[in-house]
Amino acid sequence: MRARIAAVAFLCCACAALAQETSATFYAVKEGSITYVLVHKLHEVHGTSRKLEGVAKLQPGAPTLVQVRVPVASFDSGNSNRDSHMREATHEAAHPYVEVKGTLPALQLPLTGPAQLPLEARIELNGETERQTIPVTLAPEGSGIRAKFSFPVSLEAHHVERPELLLVKVDDKVTIDGNLLFEARK
């Protein structure tokens, strides 16, 4: 008798988990850009990529799971020599992507206006991982959700040799700015 009760309880839990799984909504990046801002005493460098991949899984009453990645080779600063050096410094051949994975608090859709939420994130660059809380501003846009964010990354923490110009190294802190439009997958 106990075995039957345990089996019924297990089936109920499995069905409930399956029902929650199927009620999840998936969003994918439709368009956007990620830009890094590198500062040297003599100038500032902006490298931008529009070749990004991203997905978000929204589940009722549960945290939203987010993953965005960008090919290192896709960043363009307007200077091909500088871009080539950046790929070397980040060991692009061994670590071809910069990746951010994290969780946002549960979202109530549809969004009624802009909301700033913390993304508890894991940032991977040059094969090194760093945990960080990233403030993300979400806003409804058409049938999707616009996500904007900005956060600092330490080159030294990710074992990236800081480039130098005229014997002066760039700042350790690089700012990452993002502006992404997520749309529901059909």
Protein backbone atom coordinates (compact mmCIF):
# COMPACT_ATOMS: atom_id res chain seq x y z
CA MET A 1 0.00 0.00 0.00
CA ARG A 2 2.81 2.43 0.89
CA ALA A 3 4.49 1.63 -2.41
CA ARG A 4 1.32 2.60 -4.31
CA ILE A 5 0.99 5.86 -2.38
CA ALA A 6 4.65 6.63 -3.07
CA ALA A 7 4.18 5.83 -6.78
CA VAL A 8 1.09 8.06 -7.00
CA ALA A 9 2.90 10.87 -5.19
CA PHE A 10 5.87 10.51 -7.54
CA LEU A 11 3.59 10.64 -10.61
CA CYS A 12 1.83 13.73 -9.27
CA CYS A 13 5.16 15.49 -8.71
CA ALA A 14 6.39 14.47 -12.16
CA CYS A 15 3.19 15.75 -13.79
CA ALA A 16 3.41 19.03 -11.87
CA ALA A 17 7.05 19.48 -12.92
CA LEU A 18 6.16 18.73 -16.54
CA ALA A 19 3.28 21.20 -16.43
CA GLN A 20 5.61 23.91 -15.08
CA GLU A 21 8.19 23.10 -17.75
CA THR A 22 5.67 23.42 -20.56
CA SER A 23 4.36 26.73 -19.19
CA ALA A 24 7.79 28.32 -19.66
CA THR A 25 8.15 30.95 -22.38
CA PHE A 26 11.39 31.22 -24.31
CA TYR A 27 12.71 34.50 -25.67
CA ALA A 28 15.64 34.84 -28.09
CA VAL A 29 17.75 37.85 -29.04
CA LYS A 30 16.35 39.31 -32.23
CA GLU A 31 18.78 42.22 -32.53
CA GLY A 32 21.16 44.27 -30.48
CA SER A 33 24.72 45.13 -29.72
CA ILE A 34 27.39 44.59 -27.11
CA THR A 35 30.16 47.18 -26.81
CA TYR A 36 33.33 47.18 -24.75
CA VAL A 37 34.91 50.46 -23.71
CA LEU A 38 38.65 50.35 -23.04
CA VAL A 39 40.38 53.43 -21.59
CA HIS A 40 43.97 54.52 -22.14
CA LYS A 41 45.37 57.81 -20.84
CA LEU A 42 45.54 59.09 -24.43
CA HIS A 43 42.26 57.77 -25.85
CA GLU A 44 39.21 55.60 -25.42
CA VAL A 45 38.46 52.54 -27.55
CA HIS A 46 34.96 51.26 -28.36
CA GLY A 47 34.60 47.78 -29.87
CA THR A 48 31.10 46.67 -30.89
CA SER A 49 29.56 43.39 -31.95
CA ARG A 50 26.11 42.82 -33.41
CA LYS A 51 26.69 39.08 -33.87
CA LEU A 52 25.27 37.83 -30.62
CA GLU A 53 23.24 34.91 -29.48
CA GLY A 54 20.96 34.94 -26.50
CA VAL A 55 18.03 33.21 -24.91
CA ALA A 56 15.86 33.79 -21.85
CA LYS A 57 13.56 31.25 -20.22
CA LEU A 58 10.66 32.81 -18.33
CA GLN A 59 8.84 30.54 -15.90
CA PRO A 60 5.80 31.60 -13.86
CA GLY A 61 6.79 32.17 -10.24
CA ALA A 62 10.41 31.14 -10.85
CA PRO A 63 13.62 33.00 -11.70
CA THR A 64 14.22 33.91 -15.33
CA LEU A 65 17.25 32.16 -16.81
CA VAL A 66 19.36 34.19 -19.26
CA GLN A 67 22.33 33.34 -21.47
CA VAL A 68 24.04 35.66 -23.96
CA ARG A 69 27.26 35.01 -25.84
CA VAL A 70 29.29 36.94 -28.39
CA PRO A 71 32.09 35.69 -30.65
CA VAL A 72 35.32 37.46 -29.64
CA ALA A 73 36.26 37.75 -33.32
CA SER A 74 33.10 39.76 -34.06
CA PHE A 75 34.09 42.89 -32.09
CA ASP A 76 34.99 45.83 -34.35
CA SER A 77 36.80 48.87 -32.97
CA GLY A 78 37.43 50.45 -36.36
CA ASN A 79 41.09 49.41 -36.25
CA SER A 80 41.87 45.92 -37.59
CA ASN A 81 45.31 45.79 -35.91
CA ARG A 82 43.80 46.62 -32.53
CA ASP A 83 41.04 44.03 -33.07
CA SER A 84 43.62 41.39 -33.99
CA HIS A 85 45.61 42.18 -30.83
CA MET A 86 42.44 41.96 -28.73
CA ARG A 87 41.76 38.48 -30.14
CA GLU A 88 45.33 37.45 -29.27
CA ALA A 89 45.17 38.91 -25.74
CA THR A 90 41.92 37.06 -25.00
CA HIS A 91 43.18 33.80 -26.58
CA GLU A 92 40.25 33.77 -29.01
CA ALA A 93 41.40 30.52 -30.65
CA ALA A 94 40.98 28.64 -27.34
CA HIS A 95 38.11 30.76 -25.96
CA PRO A 96 36.07 31.99 -28.94
CA TYR A 97 33.16 33.49 -26.95
CA VAL A 98 32.51 36.01 -24.21
CA GLU A 99 29.53 34.64 -22.30
CA VAL A 100 27.15 35.84 -19.61
CA LYS A 101 24.80 33.42 -17.87
CA GLY A 102 22.55 34.33 -15.01
CA THR A 103 19.18 34.58 -13.32
CA LEU A 104 16.76 37.46 -12.93
CA PRO A 105 13.96 37.51 -10.38
CA ALA A 106 10.65 36.09 -11.64
CA LEU A 107 9.06 38.35 -14.28
CA GLN A 108 5.39 39.19 -14.59
CA LEU A 109 4.40 39.53 -18.22
CA PRO A 110 3.41 41.66 -19.91
CA LEU A 111 5.73 44.34 -18.56
CA THR A 112 3.82 47.56 -17.91
CA GLY A 113 6.87 49.80 -18.10
CA PRO A 114 10.60 49.90 -17.52
CA ALA A 115 11.94 47.89 -14.58
CA GLN A 116 15.47 47.59 -13.24
CA LEU A 117 16.35 44.12 -11.98
CA PRO A 118 19.55 42.47 -10.75
CA LEU A 119 21.01 39.74 -12.95
CA GLU A 120 23.01 37.35 -10.77
CA ALA A 121 25.56 36.53 -13.45
CA ARG A 122 28.57 34.43 -14.29
CA ILE A 123 30.82 36.17 -16.82
CA GLU A 124 33.27 34.07 -18.80
CA LEU A 125 36.11 35.72 -20.71
CA ASN A 126 39.41 34.16 -21.76
CA GLY A 127 38.39 30.92 -20.05
CA GLU A 128 38.12 32.66 -16.66
CA THR A 129 34.86 33.07 -14.77
CA GLU A 130 33.75 35.94 -12.54
CA ARG A 131 30.50 36.29 -10.62
CA GLN A 132 28.82 39.68 -10.57
CA THR A 133 25.44 41.31 -10.03
CA ILE A 134 24.55 43.27 -13.17
CA PRO A 135 21.76 45.88 -13.11
CA VAL A 136 19.52 45.27 -16.13
CA THR A 137 16.78 47.63 -17.30
CA LEU A 138 13.92 45.80 -19.01
CA ALA A 139 11.24 47.62 -20.99
CA PRO A 140 8.42 46.43 -23.24
CA GLU A 141 9.07 47.07 -26.93
CA GLY A 142 6.58 45.93 -29.53
CA SER A 143 5.99 42.24 -28.88
CA GLY A 144 9.37 41.87 -27.16
CA ILE A 145 11.47 43.03 -24.24
CA ARG A 146 14.36 45.49 -24.54
CA ALA A 147 17.25 44.78 -22.13
CA LYS A 148 19.92 47.40 -21.43
CA PHE A 149 22.88 46.97 -19.12
CA SER A 150 26.36 48.23 -18.32
CA PHE A 151 28.95 46.65 -16.05
CA PRO A 152 32.72 46.67 -15.45
CA VAL A 153 35.03 43.73 -16.11
CA SER A 154 38.60 43.44 -14.82
CA LEU A 155 41.07 42.34 -17.49
CA GLU A 156 43.52 41.09 -14.86
CA ALA A 157 40.82 39.01 -13.12
CA HIS A 158 40.29 37.25 -16.45
CA HIS A 159 44.04 36.86 -17.06
CA VAL A 160 44.01 39.17 -20.07
CA GLU A 161 47.31 40.96 -20.58
CA ARG A 162 46.54 44.67 -20.65
CA PRO A 163 47.61 46.25 -23.95
CA GLU A 164 49.93 49.24 -23.78
CA LEU A 165 50.62 52.27 -25.90
CA LEU A 166 53.77 54.38 -25.43
CA LEU A 167 54.71 52.16 -22.46
CA VAL A 168 51.44 52.97 -20.67
CA LYS A 169 48.97 50.13 -20.11
CA VAL A 170 45.23 50.53 -20.63
CA ASP A 171 43.06 50.66 -17.51
CA ASP A 172 42.31 47.31 -15.93
CA LYS A 173 38.57 48.05 -15.95
CA VAL A 174 36.70 47.56 -19.22
CA THR A 175 33.05 48.59 -19.38
CA ILE A 176 30.61 46.29 -21.18
CA ASP A 177 27.42 47.95 -22.50
CA GLY A 178 24.52 46.01 -23.96
CA ASN A 179 21.29 46.86 -25.72
CA LEU A 180 19.34 43.73 -26.74
CA LEU A 181 15.84 43.08 -28.02
CA PHE A 182 14.42 39.71 -26.95
CA GLU A 183 11.34 38.34 -28.73
CA ALA A 184 9.26 35.28 -27.88
CA ARG A 185 10.16 32.18 -29.84
CA LYS A 186 7.35 30.74 -31.87
